[in-house]
Amino acid sequence: MKSFKSLLDASVIAHGHLCAGQVIGVRMAMLGCRLVGIDDPTSPQFKKKLIVYVEMDRCASDAIGSVTGCRLGKRTLKFKDYGINAATFVNLETRKAVRIVSTEASRELVKRYAPEEEFHYQQQIKGYRIMPENELFEAQWVSVDLPGQEMPGPPRTHTTCTQCGQVVRDAREVIVEGKPLCRICAGEGYFKPEDPVIL
């Protein structure tokens, strides 16, 4: 594994600025990879041997992607919108998996590690760099069900929505009254269409 400093520098470039979430995300990814036995997730030796689930769309998730090389487009980064600053690291070869959560107590503990900083934001950036892992994180071994349609690689299935005709990949369709529908036609869309269609 590369040094914390080099990983943080790369993460800051990818994310666009230094923040407490970057520090937490880099340290979380380093710990997660170490615990599941992946030394350098971006090396050819470990390519496509790691899946990471992130549980919040915040800064730490960008840092985790930067350190691990996992990406949505590669199907190795999975997003579960739970609003929790947590990630689960899964070694696809061994199936060993660990879920790591950033502790709420760490937000106040930074005062102990960066007392010279006047502003809490700066205390977090400095304190999270040096805080012991057992104060910054909680880690738990977990098992993760990984059916074929969750794995990296080409789509395992293609189903056509019987209402709109869109092709739905990787078993994401919904069966309503015996017919396959995309989630939008099934009423689970995140948007509401407005007329007219532009193109």
N, C-alpha and C. Protein backbone atom coordinates (compact mmCIF):
# COMPACT_ATOMS: atom_id res chain seq x y z
N MET A 1 0.86 -1.19 0.00
CA MET A 1 0.00 0.00 0.00
C MET A 1 0.89 1.24 0.00
N LYS A 2 0.51 2.21 -0.79
CA LYS A 2 1.24 3.48 -0.83
C LYS A 2 1.09 4.18 0.51
N SER A 3 1.85 5.23 0.72
CA SER A 3 1.81 5.97 1.98
C SER A 3 0.50 6.74 2.11
N PHE A 4 0.11 7.02 3.35
CA PHE A 4 -1.09 7.82 3.60
C PHE A 4 -1.00 9.15 2.87
N LYS A 5 0.15 9.79 2.96
CA LYS A 5 0.32 11.12 2.34
C LYS A 5 0.10 11.06 0.83
N SER A 6 0.71 10.09 0.16
CA SER A 6 0.56 10.02 -1.30
C SER A 6 -0.88 9.69 -1.68
N LEU A 7 -1.53 8.82 -0.91
CA LEU A 7 -2.93 8.48 -1.19
C LEU A 7 -3.85 9.68 -0.95
N LEU A 8 -3.57 10.43 0.12
CA LEU A 8 -4.38 11.61 0.41
C LEU A 8 -4.18 12.67 -0.68
N ASP A 9 -2.93 12.88 -1.08
CA ASP A 9 -2.66 13.87 -2.14
C ASP A 9 -3.42 13.52 -3.42
N ALA A 10 -3.39 12.25 -3.81
CA ALA A 10 -4.10 11.82 -5.03
C ALA A 10 -5.61 11.99 -4.86
N SER A 11 -6.11 11.69 -3.67
CA SER A 11 -7.54 11.81 -3.40
C SER A 11 -8.00 13.26 -3.47
N VAL A 12 -7.19 14.16 -2.92
CA VAL A 12 -7.52 15.58 -2.93
C VAL A 12 -7.58 16.10 -4.37
N ILE A 13 -6.65 15.64 -5.21
CA ILE A 13 -6.67 16.04 -6.62
C ILE A 13 -7.95 15.55 -7.29
N ALA A 14 -8.30 14.30 -7.05
CA ALA A 14 -9.50 13.72 -7.66
C ALA A 14 -10.77 14.39 -7.15
N HIS A 15 -10.81 14.70 -5.86
CA HIS A 15 -12.01 15.26 -5.24
C HIS A 15 -12.13 16.77 -5.46
N GLY A 16 -10.99 17.44 -5.50
CA GLY A 16 -11.01 18.89 -5.75
C GLY A 16 -10.63 19.76 -4.58
N HIS A 17 -10.60 19.22 -3.38
CA HIS A 17 -10.15 19.99 -2.21
C HIS A 17 -9.87 19.05 -1.04
N LEU A 18 -9.11 19.56 -0.08
CA LEU A 18 -8.83 18.81 1.14
C LEU A 18 -9.94 19.08 2.14
N CYS A 19 -10.46 18.03 2.73
CA CYS A 19 -11.48 18.16 3.77
C CYS A 19 -11.37 16.97 4.71
N ALA A 20 -12.09 17.05 5.82
CA ALA A 20 -12.06 15.97 6.81
C ALA A 20 -12.53 14.65 6.21
N GLY A 21 -13.50 14.71 5.31
CA GLY A 21 -14.00 13.50 4.66
C GLY A 21 -12.95 12.80 3.84
N GLN A 22 -12.06 13.56 3.23
CA GLN A 22 -10.97 12.96 2.47
C GLN A 22 -10.03 12.18 3.39
N VAL A 23 -9.71 12.78 4.53
CA VAL A 23 -8.81 12.12 5.49
C VAL A 23 -9.45 10.82 5.99
N ILE A 24 -10.72 10.91 6.38
CA ILE A 24 -11.43 9.73 6.88
C ILE A 24 -11.52 8.66 5.79
N GLY A 25 -11.89 9.05 4.58
CA GLY A 25 -12.06 8.10 3.50
C GLY A 25 -10.77 7.38 3.14
N VAL A 26 -9.66 8.11 3.09
CA VAL A 26 -8.37 7.49 2.78
C VAL A 26 -8.00 6.50 3.87
N ARG A 27 -8.13 6.91 5.13
CA ARG A 27 -7.78 6.00 6.23
C ARG A 27 -8.71 4.79 6.27
N MET A 28 -10.00 5.00 6.00
CA MET A 28 -10.97 3.90 6.00
C MET A 28 -10.61 2.89 4.91
N ALA A 29 -10.28 3.39 3.73
CA ALA A 29 -9.93 2.50 2.62
C ALA A 29 -8.65 1.73 2.90
N MET A 30 -7.66 2.41 3.48
CA MET A 30 -6.41 1.73 3.83
C MET A 30 -6.66 0.61 4.83
N LEU A 31 -7.46 0.89 5.84
CA LEU A 31 -7.78 -0.11 6.86
C LEU A 31 -8.59 -1.25 6.26
N GLY A 32 -9.61 -0.93 5.48
CA GLY A 32 -10.45 -1.97 4.87
C GLY A 32 -9.66 -2.91 3.98
N CYS A 33 -8.80 -2.35 3.16
CA CYS A 33 -7.98 -3.19 2.27
C CYS A 33 -7.04 -4.07 3.08
N ARG A 34 -6.42 -3.49 4.10
CA ARG A 34 -5.50 -4.27 4.93
C ARG A 34 -6.23 -5.43 5.61
N LEU A 35 -7.41 -5.17 6.14
CA LEU A 35 -8.14 -6.20 6.88
C LEU A 35 -8.61 -7.35 5.98
N VAL A 36 -8.95 -7.05 4.73
CA VAL A 36 -9.40 -8.13 3.84
C VAL A 36 -8.25 -8.73 3.02
N GLY A 37 -7.03 -8.29 3.30
CA GLY A 37 -5.85 -8.91 2.69
C GLY A 37 -5.50 -8.43 1.29
N ILE A 38 -5.83 -7.17 1.01
CA ILE A 38 -5.47 -6.61 -0.30
C ILE A 38 -4.45 -5.49 -0.06
N ASP A 39 -3.22 -5.75 -0.49
CA ASP A 39 -2.12 -4.83 -0.20
C ASP A 39 -2.19 -3.56 -1.02
N ASP A 40 -2.36 -3.68 -2.32
CA ASP A 40 -2.44 -2.51 -3.19
C ASP A 40 -3.57 -2.74 -4.18
N PRO A 41 -4.75 -2.22 -3.90
CA PRO A 41 -5.92 -2.52 -4.72
C PRO A 41 -5.82 -2.04 -6.17
N THR A 42 -4.92 -1.12 -6.44
CA THR A 42 -4.80 -0.62 -7.82
C THR A 42 -3.76 -1.38 -8.63
N SER A 43 -3.04 -2.31 -8.01
CA SER A 43 -2.04 -3.07 -8.75
C SER A 43 -2.71 -4.15 -9.60
N PRO A 44 -2.07 -4.55 -10.70
CA PRO A 44 -2.66 -5.59 -11.57
C PRO A 44 -2.97 -6.89 -10.81
N GLN A 45 -2.19 -7.19 -9.78
CA GLN A 45 -2.38 -8.41 -9.00
C GLN A 45 -3.76 -8.46 -8.34
N PHE A 46 -4.27 -7.28 -7.94
CA PHE A 46 -5.55 -7.24 -7.21
C PHE A 46 -6.69 -6.63 -8.02
N LYS A 47 -6.45 -6.36 -9.31
CA LYS A 47 -7.48 -5.77 -10.15
C LYS A 47 -8.70 -6.68 -10.20
N LYS A 48 -9.85 -6.13 -9.98
CA LYS A 48 -11.13 -6.84 -9.97
C LYS A 48 -11.23 -7.90 -8.88
N LYS A 49 -10.47 -7.73 -7.80
CA LYS A 49 -10.57 -8.65 -6.67
C LYS A 49 -11.18 -7.97 -5.45
N LEU A 50 -11.63 -6.72 -5.64
CA LEU A 50 -12.19 -5.97 -4.52
C LEU A 50 -13.48 -5.30 -4.96
N ILE A 51 -14.51 -5.44 -4.13
CA ILE A 51 -15.74 -4.67 -4.28
C ILE A 51 -15.92 -3.88 -2.99
N VAL A 52 -16.29 -2.61 -3.14
CA VAL A 52 -16.52 -1.76 -1.98
C VAL A 52 -17.93 -1.19 -2.06
N TYR A 53 -18.67 -1.32 -0.96
CA TYR A 53 -19.98 -0.70 -0.81
C TYR A 53 -19.81 0.55 0.04
N VAL A 54 -20.20 1.71 -0.49
CA VAL A 54 -20.21 2.94 0.30
C VAL A 54 -21.65 3.26 0.65
N GLU A 55 -21.85 3.85 1.82
CA GLU A 55 -23.21 4.04 2.32
C GLU A 55 -23.65 5.51 2.39
N MET A 56 -22.85 6.40 1.79
CA MET A 56 -23.21 7.82 1.82
C MET A 56 -22.55 8.51 0.64
N ASP A 57 -23.27 9.42 0.02
CA ASP A 57 -22.72 10.17 -1.12
C ASP A 57 -22.09 11.48 -0.62
N ARG A 58 -20.99 11.32 0.07
CA ARG A 58 -20.24 12.46 0.61
C ARG A 58 -18.76 12.29 0.26
N CYS A 59 -17.95 13.21 0.79
CA CYS A 59 -16.53 13.29 0.42
C CYS A 59 -15.75 11.99 0.64
N ALA A 60 -16.02 11.31 1.73
CA ALA A 60 -15.26 10.09 2.03
C ALA A 60 -15.41 9.04 0.93
N SER A 61 -16.56 9.01 0.28
CA SER A 61 -16.77 8.03 -0.79
C SER A 61 -15.85 8.30 -1.98
N ASP A 62 -15.60 9.57 -2.28
CA ASP A 62 -14.63 9.89 -3.34
C ASP A 62 -13.24 9.41 -2.95
N ALA A 63 -12.87 9.60 -1.70
CA ALA A 63 -11.55 9.18 -1.23
C ALA A 63 -11.41 7.66 -1.30
N ILE A 64 -12.45 6.94 -0.93
CA ILE A 64 -12.43 5.48 -0.98
C ILE A 64 -12.24 5.00 -2.42
N GLY A 65 -12.95 5.63 -3.35
CA GLY A 65 -12.79 5.29 -4.76
C GLY A 65 -11.39 5.58 -5.26
N SER A 66 -10.82 6.69 -4.81
CA SER A 66 -9.47 7.06 -5.23
C SER A 66 -8.44 6.05 -4.74
N VAL A 67 -8.52 5.67 -3.48
CA VAL A 67 -7.54 4.74 -2.90
C VAL A 67 -7.67 3.35 -3.49
N THR A 68 -8.90 2.87 -3.63
CA THR A 68 -9.12 1.47 -4.04
C THR A 68 -9.13 1.28 -5.56
N GLY A 69 -9.38 2.35 -6.30
CA GLY A 69 -9.53 2.21 -7.74
C GLY A 69 -10.88 1.65 -8.12
N CYS A 70 -11.75 1.43 -7.14
CA CYS A 70 -13.10 0.91 -7.42
C CYS A 70 -13.95 2.03 -8.02
N ARG A 71 -14.76 1.67 -9.01
CA ARG A 71 -15.58 2.64 -9.72
C ARG A 71 -16.96 2.05 -10.01
N LEU A 72 -17.96 2.95 -10.05
CA LEU A 72 -19.31 2.50 -10.43
C LEU A 72 -19.29 1.85 -11.80
N GLY A 73 -18.59 2.47 -12.75
CA GLY A 73 -18.55 1.96 -14.11
C GLY A 73 -17.86 0.62 -14.25
N LYS A 74 -17.01 0.29 -13.29
CA LYS A 74 -16.35 -1.02 -13.29
C LYS A 74 -17.14 -2.05 -12.50
N ARG A 75 -18.23 -1.57 -11.89
CA ARG A 75 -19.09 -2.42 -11.05
C ARG A 75 -18.36 -2.93 -9.81
N THR A 76 -17.32 -2.22 -9.40
CA THR A 76 -16.58 -2.61 -8.20
C THR A 76 -16.86 -1.66 -7.05
N LEU A 77 -17.50 -0.54 -7.33
CA LEU A 77 -17.96 0.39 -6.30
C LEU A 77 -19.47 0.36 -6.31
N LYS A 78 -20.06 0.06 -5.16
CA LYS A 78 -21.52 -0.03 -5.04
C LYS A 78 -21.98 1.05 -4.07
N PHE A 79 -23.09 1.71 -4.40
CA PHE A 79 -23.62 2.78 -3.55
C PHE A 79 -24.94 2.33 -2.93
N LYS A 80 -24.98 2.33 -1.62
CA LYS A 80 -26.19 2.06 -0.86
C LYS A 80 -26.52 3.34 -0.10
N ASP A 81 -27.61 3.96 -0.40
CA ASP A 81 -27.94 5.28 0.14
C ASP A 81 -28.52 5.17 1.55
N TYR A 82 -27.64 4.90 2.52
CA TYR A 82 -28.07 4.74 3.91
C TYR A 82 -27.80 6.00 4.74
N GLY A 83 -27.01 6.95 4.21
CA GLY A 83 -26.70 8.16 4.96
C GLY A 83 -25.76 7.93 6.12
N ILE A 84 -24.98 6.85 6.08
CA ILE A 84 -24.03 6.51 7.15
C ILE A 84 -22.62 6.58 6.58
N ASN A 85 -21.72 7.18 7.33
CA ASN A 85 -20.32 7.28 6.88
C ASN A 85 -19.65 5.93 7.13
N ALA A 86 -19.92 5.00 6.22
CA ALA A 86 -19.46 3.62 6.37
C ALA A 86 -19.17 3.03 5.00
N ALA A 87 -18.34 1.99 5.01
CA ALA A 87 -18.04 1.26 3.78
C ALA A 87 -17.74 -0.19 4.13
N THR A 88 -18.10 -1.07 3.21
CA THR A 88 -17.81 -2.49 3.35
C THR A 88 -16.86 -2.90 2.23
N PHE A 89 -15.78 -3.56 2.61
CA PHE A 89 -14.74 -3.99 1.69
C PHE A 89 -14.82 -5.51 1.55
N VAL A 90 -14.95 -5.99 0.31
CA VAL A 90 -15.11 -7.42 0.05
C VAL A 90 -13.98 -7.91 -0.85
N ASN A 91 -13.20 -8.87 -0.35
CA ASN A 91 -12.18 -9.52 -1.15
C ASN A 91 -12.89 -10.62 -1.95
N LEU A 92 -12.96 -10.46 -3.28
CA LEU A 92 -13.71 -11.40 -4.10
C LEU A 92 -13.07 -12.77 -4.18
N GLU A 93 -11.79 -12.85 -3.92
CA GLU A 93 -11.10 -14.13 -3.98
C GLU A 93 -11.37 -14.97 -2.74
N THR A 94 -11.30 -14.34 -1.57
CA THR A 94 -11.47 -15.06 -0.31
C THR A 94 -12.89 -14.94 0.26
N ARG A 95 -13.65 -13.96 -0.24
CA ARG A 95 -14.98 -13.60 0.26
C ARG A 95 -14.94 -13.03 1.67
N LYS A 96 -13.76 -12.69 2.13
CA LYS A 96 -13.61 -12.02 3.43
C LYS A 96 -14.14 -10.59 3.27
N ALA A 97 -14.99 -10.14 4.22
CA ALA A 97 -15.59 -8.81 4.12
C ALA A 97 -15.61 -8.12 5.48
N VAL A 98 -15.36 -6.82 5.47
CA VAL A 98 -15.38 -6.04 6.71
C VAL A 98 -16.14 -4.74 6.46
N ARG A 99 -16.99 -4.38 7.40
CA ARG A 99 -17.72 -3.10 7.35
C ARG A 99 -17.08 -2.17 8.36
N ILE A 100 -16.72 -0.98 7.90
CA ILE A 100 -16.05 0.01 8.75
C ILE A 100 -16.93 1.26 8.81
N VAL A 101 -17.16 1.74 10.04
CA VAL A 101 -17.98 2.92 10.27
C VAL A 101 -17.14 3.98 10.96
N SER A 102 -17.26 5.21 10.51
CA SER A 102 -16.61 6.33 11.18
C SER A 102 -17.40 6.63 12.46
N THR A 103 -16.72 6.67 13.60
CA THR A 103 -17.42 6.87 14.87
C THR A 103 -17.87 8.31 15.04
N GLU A 104 -19.02 8.49 15.66
CA GLU A 104 -19.49 9.84 15.97
C GLU A 104 -18.63 10.47 17.06
N ALA A 105 -18.10 9.64 17.96
CA ALA A 105 -17.26 10.15 19.05
C ALA A 105 -16.01 10.83 18.52
N SER A 106 -15.53 10.39 17.35
CA SER A 106 -14.30 10.97 16.80
C SER A 106 -14.44 12.45 16.51
N ARG A 107 -15.65 12.92 16.27
CA ARG A 107 -15.88 14.34 15.97
C ARG A 107 -15.45 15.22 17.15
N GLU A 108 -15.66 14.73 18.35
CA GLU A 108 -15.25 15.50 19.54
C GLU A 108 -13.83 15.17 19.97
N LEU A 109 -13.41 13.95 19.72
CA LEU A 109 -12.06 13.54 20.11
C LEU A 109 -10.97 14.31 19.39
N VAL A 110 -11.29 14.93 18.26
CA VAL A 110 -10.26 15.68 17.51
C VAL A 110 -9.66 16.80 18.36
N LYS A 111 -10.41 17.30 19.31
CA LYS A 111 -9.89 18.38 20.18
C LYS A 111 -8.65 17.92 20.93
N ARG A 112 -8.62 16.62 21.28
CA ARG A 112 -7.48 16.06 21.99
C ARG A 112 -6.25 15.96 21.09
N TYR A 113 -6.49 15.72 19.79
CA TYR A 113 -5.38 15.50 18.86
C TYR A 113 -4.91 16.74 18.12
N ALA A 114 -5.72 17.78 18.13
CA ALA A 114 -5.31 19.04 17.49
C ALA A 114 -5.79 20.23 18.32
N PRO A 115 -5.36 20.29 19.60
CA PRO A 115 -5.86 21.36 20.49
C PRO A 115 -5.41 22.75 20.06
N GLU A 116 -4.34 22.81 19.29
CA GLU A 116 -3.82 24.12 18.87
C GLU A 116 -4.69 24.78 17.80
N GLU A 117 -5.56 24.00 17.18
CA GLU A 117 -6.42 24.55 16.13
C GLU A 117 -7.66 25.19 16.74
N GLU A 118 -7.93 26.41 16.32
CA GLU A 118 -9.06 27.17 16.85
C GLU A 118 -10.40 26.70 16.28
N PHE A 119 -10.40 26.35 14.98
CA PHE A 119 -11.64 25.99 14.31
C PHE A 119 -11.81 24.47 14.25
N HIS A 120 -13.04 24.03 14.51
CA HIS A 120 -13.34 22.59 14.58
C HIS A 120 -13.01 21.90 13.25
N TYR A 121 -13.27 22.58 12.14
CA TYR A 121 -12.98 22.01 10.82
C TYR A 121 -11.49 21.66 10.69
N GLN A 122 -10.63 22.57 11.12
CA GLN A 122 -9.18 22.32 11.06
C GLN A 122 -8.77 21.26 12.08
N GLN A 123 -9.44 21.23 13.23
CA GLN A 123 -9.18 20.17 14.22
C GLN A 123 -9.48 18.81 13.61
N GLN A 124 -10.57 18.72 12.86
CA GLN A 124 -10.93 17.45 12.24
C GLN A 124 -9.88 17.02 11.21
N ILE A 125 -9.48 17.92 10.34
CA ILE A 125 -8.50 17.57 9.31
C ILE A 125 -7.20 17.08 9.95
N LYS A 126 -6.74 17.80 10.97
CA LYS A 126 -5.48 17.40 11.62
C LYS A 126 -5.67 16.18 12.52
N GLY A 127 -6.72 16.20 13.32
CA GLY A 127 -6.95 15.13 14.28
C GLY A 127 -7.20 13.78 13.64
N TYR A 128 -7.98 13.75 12.56
CA TYR A 128 -8.28 12.49 11.89
C TYR A 128 -7.04 11.86 11.26
N ARG A 129 -6.03 12.66 10.97
CA ARG A 129 -4.79 12.12 10.39
C ARG A 129 -4.04 11.23 11.39
N ILE A 130 -4.11 11.61 12.68
CA ILE A 130 -3.27 10.93 13.68
C ILE A 130 -4.06 10.13 14.71
N MET A 131 -5.35 10.27 14.73
CA MET A 131 -6.18 9.56 15.71
C MET A 131 -6.03 8.05 15.51
N PRO A 132 -5.90 7.28 16.61
CA PRO A 132 -5.81 5.82 16.47
C PRO A 132 -7.06 5.25 15.77
N GLU A 133 -6.83 4.20 15.01
CA GLU A 133 -7.93 3.59 14.24
C GLU A 133 -9.10 3.19 15.13
N ASN A 134 -8.80 2.70 16.35
CA ASN A 134 -9.89 2.23 17.21
C ASN A 134 -10.73 3.36 17.79
N GLU A 135 -10.28 4.61 17.66
CA GLU A 135 -11.09 5.75 18.07
C GLU A 135 -11.81 6.37 16.87
N LEU A 136 -11.20 6.27 15.71
CA LEU A 136 -11.77 6.85 14.51
C LEU A 136 -12.82 5.95 13.87
N PHE A 137 -12.65 4.63 14.03
CA PHE A 137 -13.52 3.67 13.34
C PHE A 137 -14.03 2.56 14.27
N GLU A 138 -15.14 1.98 13.84
CA GLU A 138 -15.61 0.69 14.35
C GLU A 138 -15.58 -0.25 13.15
N ALA A 139 -15.04 -1.44 13.33
CA ALA A 139 -14.96 -2.41 12.23
C ALA A 139 -15.60 -3.72 12.66
N GLN A 140 -16.29 -4.36 11.73
CA GLN A 140 -16.97 -5.63 12.03
C GLN A 140 -16.89 -6.54 10.81
N TRP A 141 -16.53 -7.81 11.04
CA TRP A 141 -16.56 -8.79 9.95
C TRP A 141 -18.00 -9.01 9.56
N VAL A 142 -18.27 -9.09 8.27
CA VAL A 142 -19.62 -9.30 7.76
C VAL A 142 -19.58 -10.30 6.62
N SER A 143 -20.74 -10.80 6.23
CA SER A 143 -20.83 -11.59 5.00
C SER A 143 -21.70 -10.80 4.04
N VAL A 144 -21.36 -10.84 2.76
CA VAL A 144 -22.08 -10.10 1.74
C VAL A 144 -22.52 -11.08 0.66
N ASP A 145 -23.81 -11.09 0.37
CA ASP A 145 -24.33 -11.94 -0.69
C ASP A 145 -24.01 -11.28 -2.02
N LEU A 146 -23.29 -11.96 -2.87
CA LEU A 146 -22.89 -11.42 -4.16
C LEU A 146 -23.38 -12.31 -5.29
N PRO A 147 -24.66 -12.17 -5.69
CA PRO A 147 -25.14 -12.95 -6.82
C PRO A 147 -24.44 -12.51 -8.10
N GLY A 148 -24.52 -13.31 -9.13
CA GLY A 148 -23.83 -13.03 -10.39
C GLY A 148 -24.10 -11.66 -10.95
N GLN A 149 -25.33 -11.16 -10.83
CA GLN A 149 -25.66 -9.87 -11.41
C GLN A 149 -25.01 -8.69 -10.67
N GLU A 150 -24.37 -8.95 -9.55
CA GLU A 150 -23.66 -7.90 -8.81
C GLU A 150 -22.17 -7.85 -9.15
N MET A 151 -21.69 -8.84 -9.86
CA MET A 151 -20.26 -8.97 -10.10
C MET A 151 -19.79 -8.09 -11.25
N PRO A 152 -18.49 -7.73 -11.24
CA PRO A 152 -17.92 -7.00 -12.37
C PRO A 152 -18.03 -7.84 -13.64
N GLY A 153 -17.93 -7.17 -14.77
CA GLY A 153 -18.00 -7.86 -16.05
C GLY A 153 -19.25 -7.48 -16.82
N PRO A 154 -19.48 -8.12 -17.95
CA PRO A 154 -20.63 -7.78 -18.78
C PRO A 154 -21.95 -8.13 -18.08
N PRO A 155 -23.06 -7.51 -18.51
CA PRO A 155 -24.36 -7.81 -17.91
C PRO A 155 -24.68 -9.30 -18.00
N ARG A 156 -25.24 -9.83 -16.94
CA ARG A 156 -25.61 -11.25 -16.90
C ARG A 156 -26.98 -11.49 -17.54
N THR A 157 -27.86 -10.48 -17.46
CA THR A 157 -29.20 -10.62 -18.02
C THR A 157 -29.62 -9.33 -18.72
N HIS A 158 -30.52 -9.45 -19.69
CA HIS A 158 -31.14 -8.32 -20.38
C HIS A 158 -32.64 -8.62 -20.43
N THR A 159 -33.45 -7.71 -19.93
CA THR A 159 -34.90 -7.89 -19.96
C THR A 159 -35.51 -6.61 -20.53
N THR A 160 -36.50 -6.75 -21.38
CA THR A 160 -37.16 -5.59 -21.96
C THR A 160 -38.41 -5.25 -21.15
N CYS A 161 -38.52 -3.97 -20.78
CA CYS A 161 -39.71 -3.50 -20.06
C CYS A 161 -40.90 -3.60 -21.00
N THR A 162 -41.97 -4.26 -20.55
CA THR A 162 -43.14 -4.47 -21.40
C THR A 162 -43.98 -3.21 -21.57
N GLN A 163 -43.66 -2.16 -20.82
CA GLN A 163 -44.43 -0.91 -20.96
C GLN A 163 -43.71 0.12 -21.83
N CYS A 164 -42.43 0.40 -21.57
CA CYS A 164 -41.73 1.46 -22.31
C CYS A 164 -40.73 0.92 -23.34
N GLY A 165 -40.38 -0.36 -23.25
CA GLY A 165 -39.45 -0.96 -24.20
C GLY A 165 -37.98 -0.80 -23.86
N GLN A 166 -37.65 -0.14 -22.75
CA GLN A 166 -36.25 0.00 -22.35
C GLN A 166 -35.68 -1.35 -21.93
N VAL A 167 -34.40 -1.56 -22.23
CA VAL A 167 -33.73 -2.78 -21.80
C VAL A 167 -33.20 -2.57 -20.39
N VAL A 168 -33.51 -3.51 -19.51
CA VAL A 168 -33.08 -3.47 -18.12
C VAL A 168 -32.03 -4.56 -17.92
N ARG A 169 -30.88 -4.18 -17.42
CA ARG A 169 -29.77 -5.13 -17.26
C ARG A 169 -29.62 -5.60 -15.81
N ASP A 170 -29.01 -6.75 -15.69
CA ASP A 170 -28.59 -7.29 -14.39
C ASP A 170 -29.73 -7.47 -13.39
N ALA A 171 -30.85 -7.95 -13.87
CA ALA A 171 -31.99 -8.33 -13.01
C ALA A 171 -32.52 -7.18 -12.16
N ARG A 172 -32.50 -5.96 -12.72
CA ARG A 172 -33.03 -4.81 -11.99
C ARG A 172 -34.51 -4.55 -12.31
N GLU A 173 -35.11 -5.41 -13.13
CA GLU A 173 -36.52 -5.23 -13.46
C GLU A 173 -37.40 -5.60 -12.27
N VAL A 174 -38.65 -5.17 -12.36
CA VAL A 174 -39.66 -5.48 -11.35
C VAL A 174 -40.77 -6.24 -12.06
N ILE A 175 -41.24 -7.31 -11.47
CA ILE A 175 -42.33 -8.08 -12.07
C ILE A 175 -43.65 -7.60 -11.47
N VAL A 176 -44.52 -7.09 -12.32
CA VAL A 176 -45.83 -6.60 -11.89
C VAL A 176 -46.89 -7.35 -12.72
N GLU A 177 -47.75 -8.07 -12.02
CA GLU A 177 -48.79 -8.87 -12.66
C GLU A 177 -48.19 -9.78 -13.74
N GLY A 178 -47.06 -10.37 -13.40
CA GLY A 178 -46.41 -11.33 -14.28
C GLY A 178 -45.62 -10.72 -15.43
N LYS A 179 -45.55 -9.40 -15.51
CA LYS A 179 -44.83 -8.74 -16.60
C LYS A 179 -43.62 -7.97 -16.08
N PRO A 180 -42.49 -8.05 -16.81
CA PRO A 180 -41.32 -7.30 -16.38
C PRO A 180 -41.45 -5.81 -16.73
N LEU A 181 -41.19 -4.97 -15.73
CA LEU A 181 -41.21 -3.52 -15.93
C LEU A 181 -39.88 -2.95 -15.43
N CYS A 182 -39.45 -1.84 -16.06
CA CYS A 182 -38.33 -1.10 -15.49
C CYS A 182 -38.86 -0.43 -14.21
N ARG A 183 -37.99 -0.02 -13.35
CA ARG A 183 -38.42 0.57 -12.07
C ARG A 183 -39.18 1.88 -12.27
N ILE A 184 -38.89 2.57 -13.34
CA ILE A 184 -39.60 3.83 -13.61
C ILE A 184 -41.06 3.53 -13.94
N CYS A 185 -41.30 2.59 -14.84
CA CYS A 185 -42.68 2.23 -15.19
C CYS A 185 -43.40 1.57 -14.02
N ALA A 186 -42.64 0.97 -13.11
CA ALA A 186 -43.24 0.34 -11.92
C ALA A 186 -43.54 1.37 -10.83
N GLY A 187 -43.25 2.66 -11.11
CA GLY A 187 -43.56 3.71 -10.13
C GLY A 187 -42.46 3.96 -9.12
N GLU A 188 -41.25 3.43 -9.38
CA GLU A 188 -40.16 3.60 -8.43
C GLU A 188 -39.11 4.61 -8.92
N GLY A 189 -39.46 5.41 -9.90
CA GLY A 189 -38.50 6.37 -10.47
C GLY A 189 -38.16 7.50 -9.52
N TYR A 190 -37.02 8.11 -9.73
CA TYR A 190 -36.61 9.26 -8.91
C TYR A 190 -37.08 10.57 -9.55
N PHE A 191 -37.72 10.50 -10.73
CA PHE A 191 -38.18 11.70 -11.43
C PHE A 191 -39.61 11.47 -11.92
N LYS A 192 -40.23 12.58 -12.32
CA LYS A 192 -41.57 12.54 -12.90
C LYS A 192 -41.48 13.13 -14.29
N PRO A 193 -41.81 12.37 -15.35
CA PRO A 193 -41.70 12.91 -16.71
C PRO A 193 -42.66 14.07 -16.93
N GLU A 194 -42.19 15.05 -17.70
CA GLU A 194 -43.03 16.18 -18.10
C GLU A 194 -43.08 16.24 -19.62
N ASP A 195 -44.23 16.55 -20.16
CA ASP A 195 -44.37 16.67 -21.62
C ASP A 195 -43.87 18.03 -22.07
N PRO A 196 -43.46 18.21 -23.25
CA PRO A 196 -43.32 17.18 -24.28
C PRO A 196 -41.95 16.54 -24.24
N VAL A 197 -41.78 15.42 -24.94
CA VAL A 197 -40.48 14.80 -25.10
C VAL A 197 -39.65 15.73 -25.99
N ILE A 198 -38.40 16.00 -25.63
CA ILE A 198 -37.58 16.97 -26.34
C ILE A 198 -37.03 16.38 -27.64
N LEU A 199 -36.49 15.17 -27.60
CA LEU A 199 -35.90 14.53 -28.78
C LEU A 199 -36.53 13.17 -29.01
